[in-house]
Amino acid sequence: MLHAPNSLPQGERELIATYVSYLNDCYFCQAVHGSVAAACLNDDHDLVKRVKDDFHTAGISEKLKSLLVIAAKVQKGGKQVTASDVGAARAQGATDTEIHDTVLIAAAFCMYNRYVDGLDTWQPRDEELYRERGKKTAREGYVSMSREYLPGPTTRAQPEVRLQPAAE
Protein backbone atom coordinates (compact mmCIF):
# COMPACT_ATOMS: atom_id res chain seq x y z
CA MET A 1 0.00 0.00 0.00
CA LEU A 2 2.80 2.43 0.82
CA HIS A 3 6.00 0.95 -0.58
CA ALA A 4 5.14 -1.01 -3.73
CA PRO A 5 5.28 0.71 -7.13
CA ASN A 6 2.23 2.89 -7.72
CA SER A 7 1.26 5.93 -9.78
CA LEU A 8 1.39 7.99 -6.59
CA PRO A 9 5.00 8.26 -5.47
CA GLN A 10 5.87 6.55 -2.20
CA GLY A 11 6.61 9.90 -0.54
CA GLU A 12 3.12 11.19 -1.34
CA ARG A 13 1.45 8.02 -0.05
CA GLU A 14 3.51 8.33 3.13
CA LEU A 15 2.44 11.98 3.44
CA ILE A 16 -1.21 10.90 3.27
CA ALA A 17 -0.58 8.33 6.04
CA THR A 18 1.29 10.94 8.08
CA TYR A 19 -1.41 13.57 7.70
CA VAL A 20 -4.22 11.21 8.73
CA SER A 21 -2.12 10.03 11.69
CA TYR A 22 -1.55 13.68 12.63
CA LEU A 23 -5.31 14.35 12.49
CA ASN A 24 -5.84 11.29 14.70
CA ASP A 25 -3.15 12.53 17.11
CA CYS A 26 -1.20 9.27 16.81
CA TYR A 27 2.35 10.32 17.63
CA PHE A 28 3.99 7.02 16.70
CA CYS A 29 2.41 6.71 13.25
CA GLN A 30 2.91 10.34 12.29
CA ALA A 31 6.56 10.15 13.43
CA VAL A 32 7.29 6.85 11.66
CA HIS A 33 5.51 7.64 8.42
CA GLY A 34 6.58 11.27 8.45
CA SER A 35 10.19 10.09 8.60
CA VAL A 36 9.64 7.66 5.72
CA ALA A 37 7.92 10.44 3.73
CA ALA A 38 10.81 12.81 4.38
CA ALA A 39 13.33 10.13 3.35
CA CYS A 40 11.44 9.71 0.07
CA LEU A 41 11.31 13.48 -0.46
CA ASN A 42 15.00 14.37 -0.36
CA ASP A 43 15.13 14.19 3.44
CA ASP A 44 12.76 17.20 3.65
CA HIS A 45 11.44 16.98 7.21
CA ASP A 46 10.34 20.63 7.02
CA LEU A 47 7.97 19.78 4.17
CA VAL A 48 6.37 17.04 6.28
CA LYS A 49 5.89 19.56 9.09
CA ARG A 50 4.38 22.12 6.68
CA VAL A 51 1.95 19.51 5.34
CA LYS A 52 0.78 18.73 8.88
CA ASP A 53 0.54 22.43 9.80
CA ASP A 54 -1.35 23.55 6.67
CA PHE A 55 -1.06 21.46 3.54
CA HIS A 56 -2.87 24.15 1.51
CA THR A 57 0.24 26.37 1.75
CA ALA A 58 2.85 23.58 1.66
CA GLY A 59 5.05 23.13 -1.40
CA ILE A 60 3.19 20.11 -2.76
CA SER A 61 1.24 19.58 -5.97
CA GLU A 62 -2.36 20.68 -6.32
CA LYS A 63 -3.21 17.05 -7.03
CA LEU A 64 -1.78 15.94 -3.67
CA LYS A 65 -3.59 18.80 -1.93
CA SER A 66 -6.89 17.60 -3.42
CA LEU A 67 -6.13 14.05 -2.28
CA LEU A 68 -5.34 15.29 1.23
CA VAL A 69 -8.76 16.98 1.30
CA ILE A 70 -10.28 13.56 0.61
CA ALA A 71 -8.04 11.87 3.20
CA ALA A 72 -9.06 14.41 5.85
CA LYS A 73 -12.71 13.78 5.12
CA VAL A 74 -12.25 10.00 5.30
CA GLN A 75 -10.60 10.54 8.70
CA LYS A 76 -13.85 12.14 9.90
CA GLY A 77 -16.01 9.50 8.21
CA GLY A 78 -16.21 7.97 4.76
CA LYS A 79 -19.56 9.58 3.98
CA GLN A 80 -17.93 13.01 4.34
CA VAL A 81 -16.30 12.59 0.91
CA THR A 82 -18.46 14.20 -1.77
CA ALA A 83 -18.69 13.87 -5.53
CA SER A 84 -17.34 17.42 -5.62
CA ASP A 85 -14.21 16.33 -3.71
CA VAL A 86 -13.64 13.48 -6.15
CA GLY A 87 -14.28 15.80 -9.10
CA ALA A 88 -11.79 18.33 -7.74
CA ALA A 89 -9.15 15.63 -7.41
CA ARG A 90 -9.82 14.42 -10.95
CA ALA A 91 -9.57 18.02 -12.20
CA GLN A 92 -6.07 18.14 -10.69
CA GLY A 93 -5.08 14.97 -12.54
CA ALA A 94 -5.82 12.30 -9.92
CA THR A 95 -6.83 8.97 -11.39
CA ASP A 96 -9.57 6.79 -9.97
CA THR A 97 -6.86 4.44 -8.70
CA GLU A 98 -5.10 7.29 -6.88
CA ILE A 99 -8.38 8.43 -5.33
CA HIS A 100 -9.11 4.83 -4.32
CA ASP A 101 -5.63 4.45 -2.82
CA THR A 102 -6.01 7.73 -0.90
CA VAL A 103 -9.28 6.52 0.63
CA LEU A 104 -7.70 3.14 1.41
CA ILE A 105 -4.63 4.69 3.07
CA ALA A 106 -6.75 7.12 5.09
CA ALA A 107 -9.18 4.43 6.24
CA ALA A 108 -6.40 1.97 7.05
CA PHE A 109 -4.50 4.55 9.06
CA CYS A 110 -7.56 5.43 11.08
CA MET A 111 -7.61 1.76 12.10
CA TYR A 112 -3.83 1.54 12.58
CA ASN A 113 -3.80 4.71 14.70
CA ARG A 114 -6.54 3.39 16.96
CA TYR A 115 -4.76 0.04 17.22
CA VAL A 116 -1.43 1.61 18.18
CA ASP A 117 -2.94 4.06 20.66
CA GLY A 118 -5.56 1.64 21.97
CA LEU A 119 -2.84 -0.79 23.01
CA ASP A 120 -0.90 2.04 24.65
CA THR A 121 2.07 1.14 22.45
CA TRP A 122 5.48 2.32 23.63
CA GLN A 123 6.40 5.34 21.52
CA PRO A 124 9.99 6.54 21.69
CA ARG A 125 10.44 10.30 21.50
CA ASP A 126 13.88 10.21 19.87
CA GLU A 127 13.40 11.97 16.51
CA GLU A 128 16.76 10.69 15.24
CA LEU A 129 15.62 7.11 15.77
CA TYR A 130 12.57 7.75 13.56
CA ARG A 131 14.69 9.47 10.92
CA GLU A 132 17.12 6.56 10.67
CA ARG A 133 14.32 3.97 10.60
CA GLY A 134 12.49 6.08 8.04
CA LYS A 135 15.47 6.10 5.69
CA LYS A 136 15.90 2.35 6.02
CA THR A 137 12.19 1.66 5.52
CA ALA A 138 12.07 3.92 2.46
CA ARG A 139 14.97 1.93 0.96
CA GLU A 140 14.04 -1.61 1.99
CA GLY A 141 10.27 -1.57 2.49
CA TYR A 142 8.08 -2.56 5.40
CA VAL A 143 8.28 -6.33 4.97
CA SER A 144 12.07 -6.31 5.10
CA MET A 145 12.06 -4.02 8.14
CA SER A 146 9.48 -6.10 10.00
CA ARG A 147 11.66 -9.21 9.70
CA GLU A 148 13.93 -7.68 12.34
CA TYR A 149 11.09 -8.02 14.84
CA LEU A 150 9.65 -11.40 13.87
CA PRO A 151 10.72 -14.77 15.29
CA GLY A 152 13.11 -16.80 13.14
CA PRO A 153 11.80 -19.35 10.61
CA THR A 154 12.25 -22.28 13.01
CA THR A 155 10.24 -20.58 15.76
CA ARG A 156 6.47 -20.75 15.79
CA ALA A 157 5.97 -18.83 19.02
CA GLN A 158 3.25 -16.23 19.01
CA PRO A 159 4.20 -12.89 20.54
CA GLU A 160 2.69 -12.31 23.93
CA VAL A 161 0.35 -9.34 24.08
CA ARG A 162 0.51 -7.39 27.32
CA LEU A 163 -2.04 -4.67 27.74
CA GLN A 164 -1.30 -1.79 30.03
CA PRO A 165 -4.13 0.14 31.63
CA ALA A 166 -4.65 3.53 30.04
CA ALA A 167 -3.43 6.51 32.04
CA GLU A 168 -6.28 8.33 33.69
C-alpha atoms as a PDB file:
ATOM      1  CA  MET A   1       0.000   0.000   0.000  1.00  0.00           C
ATOM      2  CA  LEU A   2       2.801   2.433   0.818  1.00  0.00           C
ATOM      3  CA  HIS A   3       6.001   0.948  -0.578  1.00  0.00           C
ATOM      4  CA  ALA A   4       5.138  -1.013  -3.735  1.00  0.00           C
ATOM      5  CA  PRO A   5       5.276   0.715  -7.125  1.00  0.00           C
ATOM      6  CA  ASN A   6       2.234   2.887  -7.724  1.00  0.00           C
ATOM      7  CA  SER A   7       1.259   5.925  -9.782  1.00  0.00           C
ATOM      8  CA  LEU A   8       1.388   7.994  -6.586  1.00  0.00           C
ATOM      9  CA  PRO A   9       5.000   8.261  -5.473  1.00  0.00           C
ATOM     10  CA  GLN A  10       5.867   6.553  -2.202  1.00  0.00           C
ATOM     11  CA  GLY A  11       6.606   9.901  -0.535  1.00  0.00           C
ATOM     12  CA  GLU A  12       3.116  11.189  -1.342  1.00  0.00           C
ATOM     13  CA  ARG A  13       1.455   8.022  -0.048  1.00  0.00           C
ATOM     14  CA  GLU A  14       3.509   8.329   3.130  1.00  0.00           C
ATOM     15  CA  LEU A  15       2.436  11.980   3.444  1.00  0.00           C
ATOM     16  CA  ILE A  16      -1.212  10.896   3.268  1.00  0.00           C
ATOM     17  CA  ALA A  17      -0.585   8.332   6.037  1.00  0.00           C
ATOM     18  CA  THR A  18       1.294  10.940   8.075  1.00  0.00           C
ATOM     19  CA  TYR A  19      -1.415  13.570   7.696  1.00  0.00           C
ATOM     20  CA  VAL A  20      -4.215  11.210   8.725  1.00  0.00           C
ATOM     21  CA  SER A  21      -2.120  10.032  11.688  1.00  0.00           C
ATOM     22  CA  TYR A  22      -1.554  13.676  12.628  1.00  0.00           C
ATOM     23  CA  LEU A  23      -5.311  14.349  12.488  1.00  0.00           C
ATOM     24  CA  ASN A  24      -5.839  11.290  14.703  1.00  0.00           C
ATOM     25  CA  ASP A  25      -3.147  12.531  17.110  1.00  0.00           C
ATOM     26  CA  CYS A  26      -1.199   9.271  16.814  1.00  0.00           C
ATOM     27  CA  TYR A  27       2.349  10.325  17.628  1.00  0.00           C
ATOM     28  CA  PHE A  28       3.985   7.023  16.703  1.00  0.00           C
ATOM     29  CA  CYS A  29       2.411   6.713  13.247  1.00  0.00           C
ATOM     30  CA  GLN A  30       2.911  10.337  12.293  1.00  0.00           C
ATOM     31  CA  ALA A  31       6.558  10.149  13.434  1.00  0.00           C
ATOM     32  CA  VAL A  32       7.291   6.854  11.663  1.00  0.00           C
ATOM     33  CA  HIS A  33       5.507   7.643   8.419  1.00  0.00           C
ATOM     34  CA  GLY A  34       6.576  11.269   8.453  1.00  0.00           C
ATOM     35  CA  SER A  35      10.186  10.094   8.598  1.00  0.00           C
ATOM     36  CA  VAL A  36       9.641   7.665   5.724  1.00  0.00           C
ATOM     37  CA  ALA A  37       7.917  10.436   3.732  1.00  0.00           C
ATOM     38  CA  ALA A  38      10.815  12.806   4.381  1.00  0.00           C
ATOM     39  CA  ALA A  39      13.326  10.127   3.354  1.00  0.00           C
ATOM     40  CA  CYS A  40      11.439   9.710   0.068  1.00  0.00           C
ATOM     41  CA  LEU A  41      11.305  13.477  -0.457  1.00  0.00           C
ATOM     42  CA  ASN A  42      15.004  14.370  -0.362  1.00  0.00           C
ATOM     43  CA  ASP A  43      15.128  14.193   3.439  1.00  0.00           C
ATOM     44  CA  ASP A  44      12.763  17.203   3.645  1.00  0.00           C
ATOM     45  CA  HIS A  45      11.437  16.981   7.210  1.00  0.00           C
ATOM     46  CA  ASP A  46      10.342  20.625   7.018  1.00  0.00           C
ATOM     47  CA  LEU A  47       7.967  19.780   4.168  1.00  0.00           C
ATOM     48  CA  VAL A  48       6.370  17.041   6.279  1.00  0.00           C
ATOM     49  CA  LYS A  49       5.889  19.561   9.094  1.00  0.00           C
ATOM     50  CA  ARG A  50       4.382  22.123   6.684  1.00  0.00           C
ATOM     51  CA  VAL A  51       1.951  19.513   5.342  1.00  0.00           C
ATOM     52  CA  LYS A  52       0.783  18.732   8.885  1.00  0.00           C
ATOM     53  CA  ASP A  53       0.544  22.430   9.804  1.00  0.00           C
ATOM     54  CA  ASP A  54      -1.348  23.545   6.671  1.00  0.00           C
ATOM     55  CA  PHE A  55      -1.064  21.458   3.536  1.00  0.00           C
ATOM     56  CA  HIS A  56      -2.866  24.148   1.513  1.00  0.00           C
ATOM     57  CA  THR A  57       0.237  26.366   1.754  1.00  0.00           C
ATOM     58  CA  ALA A  58       2.852  23.583   1.657  1.00  0.00           C
ATOM     59  CA  GLY A  59       5.050  23.132  -1.399  1.00  0.00           C
ATOM     60  CA  ILE A  60       3.192  20.106  -2.763  1.00  0.00           C
ATOM     61  CA  SER A  61       1.239  19.582  -5.970  1.00  0.00           C
ATOM     62  CA  GLU A  62      -2.361  20.677  -6.319  1.00  0.00           C
ATOM     63  CA  LYS A  63      -3.206  17.045  -7.025  1.00  0.00           C
ATOM     64  CA  LEU A  64      -1.778  15.940  -3.673  1.00  0.00           C
ATOM     65  CA  LYS A  65      -3.586  18.797  -1.930  1.00  0.00           C
ATOM     66  CA  SER A  66      -6.893  17.602  -3.417  1.00  0.00           C
ATOM     67  CA  LEU A  67      -6.128  14.051  -2.276  1.00  0.00           C
ATOM     68  CA  LEU A  68      -5.340  15.292   1.234  1.00  0.00           C
ATOM     69  CA  VAL A  69      -8.761  16.978   1.295  1.00  0.00           C
ATOM     70  CA  ILE A  70     -10.279  13.564   0.605  1.00  0.00           C
ATOM     71  CA  ALA A  71      -8.035  11.869   3.198  1.00  0.00           C
ATOM     72  CA  ALA A  72      -9.064  14.405   5.853  1.00  0.00           C
ATOM     73  CA  LYS A  73     -12.715  13.776   5.119  1.00  0.00           C
ATOM     74  CA  VAL A  74     -12.246   9.997   5.302  1.00  0.00           C
ATOM     75  CA  GLN A  75     -10.598  10.541   8.701  1.00  0.00           C
ATOM     76  CA  LYS A  76     -13.851  12.137   9.898  1.00  0.00           C
ATOM     77  CA  GLY A  77     -16.014   9.504   8.209  1.00  0.00           C
ATOM     78  CA  GLY A  78     -16.214   7.975   4.757  1.00  0.00           C
ATOM     79  CA  LYS A  79     -19.557   9.583   3.977  1.00  0.00           C
ATOM     80  CA  GLN A  80     -17.927  13.007   4.337  1.00  0.00           C
ATOM     81  CA  VAL A  81     -16.299  12.586   0.909  1.00  0.00           C
ATOM     82  CA  THR A  82     -18.460  14.198  -1.774  1.00  0.00           C
ATOM     83  CA  ALA A  83     -18.689  13.868  -5.529  1.00  0.00           C
ATOM     84  CA  SER A  84     -17.337  17.415  -5.620  1.00  0.00           C
ATOM     85  CA  ASP A  85     -14.210  16.331  -3.707  1.00  0.00           C
ATOM     86  CA  VAL A  86     -13.643  13.475  -6.146  1.00  0.00           C
ATOM     87  CA  GLY A  87     -14.281  15.803  -9.101  1.00  0.00           C
ATOM     88  CA  ALA A  88     -11.794  18.332  -7.739  1.00  0.00           C
ATOM     89  CA  ALA A  89      -9.150  15.626  -7.411  1.00  0.00           C
ATOM     90  CA  ARG A  90      -9.817  14.419 -10.951  1.00  0.00           C
ATOM     91  CA  ALA A  91      -9.567  18.018 -12.203  1.00  0.00           C
ATOM     92  CA  GLN A  92      -6.066  18.145 -10.687  1.00  0.00           C
ATOM     93  CA  GLY A  93      -5.077  14.966 -12.537  1.00  0.00           C
ATOM     94  CA  ALA A  94      -5.817  12.303  -9.918  1.00  0.00           C
ATOM     95  CA  THR A  95      -6.827   8.970 -11.393  1.00  0.00           C
ATOM     96  CA  ASP A  96      -9.575   6.791  -9.968  1.00  0.00           C
ATOM     97  CA  THR A  97      -6.862   4.435  -8.700  1.00  0.00           C
ATOM     98  CA  GLU A  98      -5.100   7.290  -6.882  1.00  0.00           C
ATOM     99  CA  ILE A  99      -8.383   8.427  -5.333  1.00  0.00           C
ATOM    100  CA  HIS A 100      -9.109   4.825  -4.320  1.00  0.00           C
ATOM    101  CA  ASP A 101      -5.634   4.449  -2.818  1.00  0.00           C
ATOM    102  CA  THR A 102      -6.011   7.727  -0.905  1.00  0.00           C
ATOM    103  CA  VAL A 103      -9.276   6.517   0.630  1.00  0.00           C
ATOM    104  CA  LEU A 104      -7.703   3.137   1.412  1.00  0.00           C
ATOM    105  CA  ILE A 105      -4.632   4.689   3.066  1.00  0.00           C
ATOM    106  CA  ALA A 106      -6.752   7.121   5.088  1.00  0.00           C
ATOM    107  CA  ALA A 107      -9.180   4.427   6.240  1.00  0.00           C
ATOM    108  CA  ALA A 108      -6.404   1.972   7.054  1.00  0.00           C
ATOM    109  CA  PHE A 109      -4.495   4.554   9.064  1.00  0.00           C
ATOM    110  CA  CYS A 110      -7.561   5.433  11.083  1.00  0.00           C
ATOM    111  CA  MET A 111      -7.608   1.758  12.102  1.00  0.00           C
ATOM    112  CA  TYR A 112      -3.832   1.537  12.584  1.00  0.00           C
ATOM    113  CA  ASN A 113      -3.798   4.710  14.702  1.00  0.00           C
ATOM    114  CA  ARG A 114      -6.539   3.394  16.955  1.00  0.00           C
ATOM    115  CA  TYR A 115      -4.764   0.039  17.223  1.00  0.00           C
ATOM    116  CA  VAL A 116      -1.427   1.605  18.182  1.00  0.00           C
ATOM    117  CA  ASP A 117      -2.942   4.057  20.657  1.00  0.00           C
ATOM    118  CA  GLY A 118      -5.564   1.638  21.972  1.00  0.00           C
ATOM    119  CA  LEU A 119      -2.838  -0.795  23.015  1.00  0.00           C
ATOM    120  CA  ASP A 120      -0.897   2.042  24.647  1.00  0.00           C
ATOM    121  CA  THR A 121       2.072   1.141  22.454  1.00  0.00           C
ATOM    122  CA  TRP A 122       5.483   2.317  23.629  1.00  0.00           C
ATOM    123  CA  GLN A 123       6.395   5.338  21.520  1.00  0.00           C
ATOM    124  CA  PRO A 124       9.986   6.536  21.688  1.00  0.00           C
ATOM    125  CA  ARG A 125      10.441  10.302  21.504  1.00  0.00           C
ATOM    126  CA  ASP A 126      13.881  10.212  19.871  1.00  0.00           C
ATOM    127  CA  GLU A 127      13.396  11.968  16.506  1.00  0.00           C
ATOM    128  CA  GLU A 128      16.758  10.692  15.237  1.00  0.00           C
ATOM    129  CA  LEU A 129      15.619   7.107  15.770  1.00  0.00           C
ATOM    130  CA  TYR A 130      12.567   7.754  13.559  1.00  0.00           C
ATOM    131  CA  ARG A 131      14.695   9.474  10.918  1.00  0.00           C
ATOM    132  CA  GLU A 132      17.124   6.555  10.669  1.00  0.00           C
ATOM    133  CA  ARG A 133      14.318   3.970  10.603  1.00  0.00           C
ATOM    134  CA  GLY A 134      12.489   6.082   8.041  1.00  0.00           C
ATOM    135  CA  LYS A 135      15.470   6.095   5.690  1.00  0.00           C
ATOM    136  CA  LYS A 136      15.905   2.346   6.021  1.00  0.00           C
ATOM    137  CA  THR A 137      12.190   1.662   5.525  1.00  0.00           C
ATOM    138  CA  ALA A 138      12.074   3.919   2.459  1.00  0.00           C
ATOM    139  CA  ARG A 139      14.965   1.932   0.960  1.00  0.00           C
ATOM    140  CA  GLU A 140      14.038  -1.610   1.988  1.00  0.00           C
ATOM    141  CA  GLY A 141      10.271  -1.572   2.492  1.00  0.00           C
ATOM    142  CA  TYR A 142       8.077  -2.564   5.400  1.00  0.00           C
ATOM    143  CA  VAL A 143       8.280  -6.332   4.974  1.00  0.00           C
ATOM    144  CA  SER A 144      12.067  -6.312   5.100  1.00  0.00           C
ATOM    145  CA  MET A 145      12.059  -4.016   8.138  1.00  0.00           C
ATOM    146  CA  SER A 146       9.484  -6.100  10.003  1.00  0.00           C
ATOM    147  CA  ARG A 147      11.656  -9.207   9.696  1.00  0.00           C
ATOM    148  CA  GLU A 148      13.926  -7.678  12.341  1.00  0.00           C
ATOM    149  CA  TYR A 149      11.089  -8.024  14.843  1.00  0.00           C
ATOM    150  CA  LEU A 150       9.647 -11.404  13.873  1.00  0.00           C
ATOM    151  CA  PRO A 151      10.716 -14.769  15.286  1.00  0.00           C
ATOM    152  CA  GLY A 152      13.109 -16.799  13.142  1.00  0.00           C
ATOM    153  CA  PRO A 153      11.798 -19.348  10.614  1.00  0.00           C
ATOM    154  CA  THR A 154      12.245 -22.280  13.011  1.00  0.00           C
ATOM    155  CA  THR A 155      10.235 -20.581  15.763  1.00  0.00           C
ATOM    156  CA  ARG A 156       6.467 -20.751  15.786  1.00  0.00           C
ATOM    157  CA  ALA A 157       5.973 -18.833  19.016  1.00  0.00           C
ATOM    158  CA  GLN A 158       3.251 -16.233  19.009  1.00  0.00           C
ATOM    159  CA  PRO A 159       4.198 -12.888  20.537  1.00  0.00           C
ATOM    160  CA  GLU A 160       2.688 -12.308  23.934  1.00  0.00           C
ATOM    161  CA  VAL A 161       0.350  -9.342  24.078  1.00  0.00           C
ATOM    162  CA  ARG A 162       0.505  -7.391  27.316  1.00  0.00           C
ATOM    163  CA  LEU A 163      -2.043  -4.669  27.741  1.00  0.00           C
ATOM    164  CA  GLN A 164      -1.305  -1.792  30.031  1.00  0.00           C
ATOM    165  CA  PRO A 165      -4.128   0.144  31.629  1.00  0.00           C
ATOM    166  CA  ALA A 166      -4.648   3.527  30.041  1.00  0.00           C
ATOM    167  CA  ALA A 167      -3.430   6.510  32.038  1.00  0.00           C
ATOM    168  CA  GLU A 168      -6.284   8.328  33.690  1.00  0.00           C
END
